[in-house]
Protein backbone atom coordinates (compact mmCIF):
# COMPACT_ATOMS: atom_id res chain seq x y z
CA MET A 1 0.40 -0.08 -0.09
CA ARG A 2 3.21 2.37 0.80
CA VAL A 3 4.44 1.29 -2.29
CA GLU A 4 1.69 2.53 -4.36
CA GLN A 5 0.85 5.66 -2.65
CA PHE A 6 5.04 6.41 -3.10
CA GLY A 7 4.50 5.62 -6.85
CA HIS A 8 1.50 8.00 -7.36
CA LYS A 9 2.99 11.08 -5.59
CA PHE A 10 5.99 10.27 -7.78
CA LEU A 11 4.13 10.34 -10.87
CA ARG A 12 1.60 13.28 -9.68
CA LEU A 13 5.25 15.33 -9.00
CA GLY A 14 6.86 14.56 -12.36
CA PHE A 15 3.72 15.91 -14.41
CA ALA A 16 4.19 18.73 -12.22
CA CYS A 17 7.33 19.78 -13.26
CA LEU A 18 6.88 18.87 -16.97
CA LEU A 19 4.20 21.11 -16.95
CA MET A 20 5.98 23.63 -15.20
CA GLY A 21 9.25 23.24 -17.89
CA GLY A 22 6.23 23.38 -20.74
CA ILE A 23 4.91 27.01 -19.07
CA MET A 24 8.75 28.17 -18.82
CA ILE A 25 9.51 27.12 -22.25
CA PHE A 26 6.25 28.45 -23.57
CA THR A 27 6.89 32.03 -21.87
CA ALA A 28 10.33 32.30 -22.95
CA GLY A 29 9.33 31.80 -26.45
CA CYS A 30 6.89 34.68 -26.17
CA GLY A 31 8.90 36.53 -24.08
CA LYS A 32 11.60 36.87 -26.97
CA LYS A 33 10.87 39.22 -29.61
CA HIS A 34 11.30 37.48 -33.40
CA ARG A 35 11.09 40.02 -36.07
CA LYS A 36 10.51 38.78 -39.55
CA ASN A 37 12.45 39.61 -43.04
CA THR A 38 15.30 41.14 -40.92
CA ALA A 39 19.00 40.66 -41.39
CA ASN A 40 22.05 41.77 -39.16
CA GLY A 41 25.11 43.90 -39.39
CA VAL A 42 27.13 46.34 -37.96
CA PHE A 43 27.25 50.40 -37.73
CA GLU A 44 29.32 52.00 -40.16
CA ALA A 45 29.90 55.39 -40.42
CA THR A 46 31.88 57.80 -43.47
CA GLU A 47 35.26 57.94 -42.06
CA ILE A 48 37.71 60.76 -43.62
CA ILE A 49 41.79 60.19 -42.66
CA VAL A 50 42.56 63.92 -43.09
CA SER A 51 46.82 63.82 -44.12
CA SER A 52 49.45 66.73 -44.43
CA GLU A 53 49.70 67.94 -47.59
CA SER A 54 52.40 70.15 -46.77
CA ASN A 55 56.03 69.89 -45.10
CA GLY A 56 56.87 71.46 -41.63
CA LYS A 57 56.37 71.54 -38.29
CA MET A 58 53.03 71.12 -36.88
CA LEU A 59 52.74 74.77 -34.80
CA SER A 60 49.50 74.18 -33.31
CA PHE A 61 46.82 70.87 -33.23
CA ASP A 62 45.05 70.79 -30.44
CA ILE A 63 42.16 68.62 -31.22
CA GLN A 64 40.27 66.44 -28.74
CA GLU A 65 39.68 62.16 -29.80
CA GLY A 66 35.36 62.18 -29.40
CA GLN A 67 35.24 65.71 -30.03
CA THR A 68 32.65 67.21 -32.24
CA TYR A 69 34.05 69.65 -35.18
CA GLU A 70 31.91 71.42 -38.27
CA ALA A 71 33.12 71.39 -41.29
CA GLY A 72 35.41 74.13 -42.48
CA THR A 73 36.79 74.68 -38.84
CA LEU A 74 40.19 75.68 -38.28
CA LEU A 75 41.62 72.41 -36.44
CA GLY A 76 45.62 73.26 -36.55
CA CYS A 77 48.51 74.80 -38.54
CA ILE A 78 51.65 73.98 -39.99
CA ASP A 79 54.49 76.04 -40.18
CA THR A 80 54.55 78.65 -43.31
CA PHE A 81 57.37 81.06 -42.55
CA GLN A 82 59.33 79.55 -45.84
CA THR A 83 56.44 79.88 -48.22
CA TYR A 84 55.31 83.03 -46.88
CA LEU A 85 58.70 84.27 -47.94
CA GLN A 86 58.47 82.83 -51.75
CA ILE A 87 55.04 84.61 -51.62
CA LYS A 88 56.95 87.72 -51.33
CA GLN A 89 59.97 87.33 -53.17
CA LEU A 90 57.80 86.77 -56.37
CA GLU A 91 55.91 89.26 -55.89
CA SER A 92 58.99 91.66 -56.08
CA SER A 93 59.78 89.62 -59.12
CA ILE A 94 56.00 90.75 -60.49
CA SER A 95 56.92 94.59 -59.85
CA ALA A 96 60.10 94.58 -61.05
CA THR A 97 58.90 92.74 -63.86
CA LEU A 98 56.23 95.31 -64.88
CA ALA A 99 58.43 98.14 -64.26
CA ARG A 100 59.90 96.91 -67.68
CA ARG A 101 56.72 97.64 -69.50
CA PRO A 102 57.76 100.34 -72.37
CA ASN A 103 55.62 103.61 -72.43
CA MET A 104 54.20 103.12 -75.98
CA PRO A 105 52.40 107.00 -76.05
CA SER A 106 56.24 108.58 -75.30
CA GLN A 107 58.54 106.51 -77.09
CA MET A 108 55.39 106.72 -80.13
CA ARG A 109 55.27 110.90 -79.46
CA VAL A 110 58.53 111.58 -81.28
CA LEU A 111 57.16 109.83 -84.08
CA GLU A 112 53.59 110.73 -84.50
CA ASP A 113 54.71 114.52 -84.29
CA LYS A 114 57.36 114.24 -87.04
CA LEU A 115 54.60 113.10 -89.43
CA ALA A 116 51.80 115.64 -88.24
CA THR A 117 54.67 118.29 -89.04
CA LEU A 118 54.72 116.54 -92.42
CA ASN A 119 51.30 116.48 -93.05
CA LYS A 120 51.04 119.78 -92.27
CA GLU A 121 54.29 120.88 -94.72
CA GLU A 122 52.01 118.39 -97.58
CA ARG A 123 49.12 120.96 -97.31
CA ARG A 124 51.02 123.77 -97.80
CA VAL A 125 53.33 122.55 -100.81
CA GLN A 126 50.42 121.75 -102.20
CA ASN A 127 49.19 125.13 -101.88
CA LEU A 128 52.23 126.41 -103.72
CA LEU A 129 51.61 124.38 -106.24
CA LYS A 130 48.37 125.42 -107.17
CA ALA A 131 49.90 129.10 -107.30
CA ASP A 132 52.74 127.75 -109.39
CA ALA A 133 54.72 128.43 -106.30
CA ALA A 134 56.44 125.14 -105.49
CA SER A 135 57.50 121.88 -107.65
CA THR A 136 56.31 118.36 -108.16
CA LYS A 137 59.50 117.17 -106.90
CA GLN A 138 58.75 119.16 -103.77
CA LEU A 139 55.70 117.42 -103.10
CA GLU A 140 56.79 114.03 -103.97
CA ASP A 141 59.84 114.18 -101.80
CA LEU A 142 57.73 115.06 -99.09
CA GLN A 143 55.03 112.58 -99.65
CA ALA A 144 58.05 109.99 -99.89
CA GLU A 145 59.37 111.23 -96.28
CA ILE A 146 55.39 111.09 -94.79
CA ASN A 147 55.30 107.08 -96.15
CA ILE A 148 58.81 106.59 -94.80
CA THR A 149 57.98 108.08 -91.37
CA LYS A 150 54.47 105.87 -91.24
CA SER A 151 56.62 102.79 -91.75
CA GLN A 152 58.69 104.06 -88.80
CA LEU A 153 55.73 104.05 -86.86
CA ALA A 154 54.14 101.16 -87.45
CA ALA A 155 57.28 99.17 -86.84
CA GLN A 156 58.04 101.28 -83.69
CA LYS A 157 54.37 100.45 -82.42
CA SER A 158 54.64 96.52 -83.27
CA ALA A 159 57.89 96.36 -81.73
CA LEU A 160 56.63 98.09 -78.88
CA SER A 161 53.58 95.53 -78.63
CA ILE A 162 55.76 92.37 -78.63
CA GLN A 163 57.37 93.29 -75.85
CA ASP A 164 54.76 94.66 -73.98
CA GLN A 165 52.93 91.22 -74.57
CA SER A 166 56.02 89.50 -73.72
CA ILE A 167 55.99 90.92 -70.36
CA LEU A 168 52.73 90.69 -70.16
CA GLU A 169 53.34 86.81 -70.43
CA GLU A 170 55.90 86.57 -68.07
CA VAL A 171 54.18 88.34 -65.31
CA GLU A 172 51.44 85.94 -66.03
CA ALA A 173 53.07 83.02 -65.73
CA MET A 174 54.48 84.30 -61.92
CA ARG A 175 51.03 84.90 -61.18
CA PHE A 176 50.50 81.14 -61.54
CA GLN A 177 53.63 80.13 -59.06
CA LEU A 178 52.26 83.10 -57.04
CA GLN A 179 48.42 81.25 -56.81
CA GLN A 180 50.33 77.92 -56.42
CA LEU A 181 52.28 79.52 -53.55
CA GLU A 182 48.95 80.88 -52.50
CA HIS A 183 47.56 77.78 -52.28
CA ALA A 184 50.19 75.62 -50.47
CA MET A 185 50.04 78.14 -47.83
CA GLU A 186 46.36 77.76 -47.67
CA ASN A 187 46.92 73.76 -47.25
CA CYS A 188 49.20 74.45 -44.26
CA LYS A 189 46.10 75.09 -42.57
CA ILE A 190 44.10 71.98 -41.07
CA LYS A 191 40.39 72.41 -41.82
CA ALA A 192 37.94 69.79 -40.85
CA PRO A 193 35.96 68.04 -44.29
CA ILE A 194 33.32 67.19 -42.69
CA THR A 195 30.78 68.12 -39.76
CA GLY A 196 32.15 65.25 -37.71
CA THR A 197 33.87 63.48 -34.28
CA ILE A 198 37.41 62.60 -34.05
CA ILE A 199 37.96 59.01 -34.29
CA ASN A 200 42.22 59.54 -34.23
CA LYS A 201 44.63 61.51 -33.62
CA TYR A 202 48.22 60.98 -35.46
CA ILE A 203 50.37 63.44 -34.07
CA GLU A 204 50.86 66.35 -31.60
CA THR A 205 51.64 69.81 -31.69
CA ASN A 206 55.83 70.60 -32.83
CA GLU A 207 55.72 67.17 -34.17
CA LEU A 208 57.19 67.26 -38.09
CA ALA A 209 54.73 66.94 -40.90
CA TYR A 210 55.40 66.00 -44.05
CA ALA A 211 53.35 65.45 -47.64
CA GLY A 212 51.10 62.18 -47.01
CA LYS A 213 51.61 62.11 -43.22
CA PRO A 214 48.11 61.11 -41.65
CA LEU A 215 46.81 64.02 -39.35
CA PHE A 216 43.81 62.73 -38.07
CA LYS A 217 40.47 60.36 -38.54
CA ILE A 218 36.89 61.89 -38.78
CA ALA A 219 33.64 60.13 -38.83
CA ASP A 220 29.74 61.83 -39.74
CA ILE A 221 28.56 59.84 -36.76
CA THR A 222 25.14 61.43 -37.53
CA ASN A 223 24.46 60.30 -40.86
CA MET A 224 25.35 56.45 -40.02
CA PHE A 225 24.66 53.41 -42.41
CA ILE A 226 24.64 49.67 -41.34
CA LYS A 227 25.80 46.97 -44.06
CA VAL A 228 23.53 43.79 -44.20
CA TYR A 229 23.51 40.41 -46.21
CA VAL A 230 19.84 38.99 -47.43
CA THR A 231 19.09 35.95 -48.89
CA GLU A 232 17.64 35.69 -52.72
CA ASP A 233 14.37 35.17 -51.72
CA MET A 234 14.59 38.31 -49.18
CA LEU A 235 15.68 39.98 -52.04
CA ALA A 236 12.76 40.33 -53.85
CA SER A 237 10.61 42.25 -51.54
CA ILE A 238 13.91 44.93 -51.42
CA LYS A 239 13.93 47.98 -53.30
CA LEU A 240 15.76 50.89 -53.58
CA ASN A 241 14.83 54.17 -51.53
CA GLN A 242 12.43 51.31 -49.51
CA ASP A 243 11.85 52.31 -45.61
CA VAL A 244 12.82 50.20 -43.56
CA LEU A 245 13.57 49.94 -39.34
CA VAL A 246 16.61 49.82 -37.77
CA HIS A 247 16.53 48.21 -34.26
CA LEU A 248 20.01 48.93 -31.88
CA ASP A 249 19.78 46.56 -28.53
CA SER A 250 20.82 48.45 -25.72
CA TYR A 251 21.49 47.90 -22.82
CA SER A 252 21.14 50.28 -18.88
CA GLN A 253 23.30 49.46 -16.08
CA GLU A 254 21.69 48.75 -12.71
CA SER A 255 22.93 50.36 -9.44
CA GLU A 256 26.41 49.98 -8.04
CA LYS A 257 25.35 47.32 -5.81
CA SER A 258 24.22 45.06 -8.20
CA LYS A 259 26.51 45.60 -11.29
CA LYS A 260 24.55 43.70 -13.41
CA ASP A 261 23.66 44.92 -17.12
CA LYS A 262 20.08 44.25 -17.58
CA LYS A 263 18.86 44.17 -21.50
CA THR A 264 16.34 46.50 -22.82
CA ASP A 265 14.08 46.69 -25.60
CA GLY A 266 16.55 48.37 -27.47
CA ILE A 267 16.19 51.63 -29.86
CA THR A 268 14.59 52.01 -33.20
CA TYR A 269 15.80 53.94 -36.03
CA ASN A 270 13.67 55.09 -39.46
CA GLY A 271 16.27 54.28 -42.05
CA LYS A 272 16.40 54.07 -46.19
CA VAL A 273 17.84 51.06 -48.55
CA THR A 274 20.17 53.61 -50.13
CA TRP A 275 22.13 50.48 -52.09
CA ILE A 276 21.71 47.12 -53.48
CA SER A 277 24.53 44.89 -54.69
CA PRO A 278 24.17 43.96 -58.30
CA LYS A 279 25.84 40.54 -57.54
CA ALA A 280 25.83 37.62 -55.20
CA GLU A 281 28.85 36.79 -52.75
CA PHE A 282 29.27 34.37 -49.90
CA THR A 283 28.20 35.13 -46.60
CA PRO A 284 30.77 36.62 -44.58
CA LYS A 285 32.71 34.95 -42.44
CA MET A 286 31.28 37.29 -39.61
CA ILE A 287 28.60 35.32 -39.50
CA GLN A 288 27.95 33.03 -36.89
CA THR A 289 27.42 29.04 -38.05
CA LYS A 290 29.29 27.63 -41.06
CA GLU A 291 26.14 26.85 -42.63
CA GLU A 292 25.11 30.39 -43.07
CA ARG A 293 28.82 31.36 -44.30
CA THR A 294 28.55 28.88 -47.03
CA ASN A 295 24.88 30.43 -48.57
CA LEU A 296 25.46 32.43 -51.12
CA VAL A 297 23.93 36.63 -49.88
CA TYR A 298 23.35 40.02 -51.27
CA ALA A 299 24.50 43.09 -49.70
CA VAL A 300 22.33 45.77 -48.94
CA LYS A 301 22.92 49.07 -47.50
CA VAL A 302 20.76 50.92 -44.94
CA ASN A 303 21.29 54.72 -44.16
CA PHE A 304 19.46 56.17 -41.11
CA LEU A 305 20.19 59.44 -38.31
CA ASN A 306 21.47 58.58 -35.83
CA ASP A 307 20.41 60.36 -32.42
CA GLY A 308 24.24 59.34 -30.71
CA SER A 309 23.30 56.14 -29.44
CA ALA A 310 24.11 54.00 -32.24
CA LYS A 311 28.59 53.60 -32.28
CA ILE A 312 30.63 52.49 -35.26
CA GLY A 313 31.11 48.49 -35.07
CA MET A 314 27.96 47.75 -33.05
CA PRO A 315 25.49 45.25 -34.04
CA GLY A 316 22.45 45.82 -35.21
CA ASP A 317 19.09 44.43 -36.68
CA VAL A 318 17.16 45.79 -40.35
CA GLU A 319 13.70 44.79 -40.27
CA PHE A 320 12.51 45.31 -44.00
CA LYS A 321 8.62 46.12 -43.73
């Protein structure tokens, strides 16, 4: 009798455990969020490595990693003294060359005055010839001299024009050199190419910079994107400029006493599909399982506006509507 009672109790206990386990599994399954048509990836941003375009000592470079700067903000300056001296020297050369330009009006005035006098004399001789007070030879000789003077005037004008044009072309070449130096001077000013946050700083004040040396890396962490990989069956429902949801799983820390992380519902962004790969590729190795890594997938890029919560390299999910 006791054995039979013990057996009934054991059966009731086993049934209760089985029922409790089923409830727990059902509860866990219901509690876990399941999103359809999702793909995962990591958050990325447009990153620019700014390198030096000049050689010289870094006079100032007081940027801070993690600090955000507006596009065009002056971040530092490379020594420009040698370039400044070259600019001043070239400006003096331009002034000296322009001073050699011929003064065409003054140099041609002698022949122009001579020609004006000969023309007056020609009219006087013509009047005398009408009154039979001069000979035809006098008029012909005077006209010949007028023609010679006109030829001399034209030749001098042409020579002076050629000389003046040559000097102007020489000055123009020097002005191009001056623009190059001014551009080199401007390149010594280190400015933020975009509005973004400094990710890395590669040089300090008073260090030597040279052309091609990386100075800092800046990233636009406001307009971020995530690249995910989708299978062929999902690709048919994905289009360019399609609105999607970008999910970021966030963690909130509890009190200092517990020092345990607690998972929250996460953050969701409104995203837009901006690029779809035109060809298939094997799943990248960052995908967890070996079976998934052997599948052919298509890369999809989704842009979204970040509120500061998403960080470069964080994992995220894209839910296609």
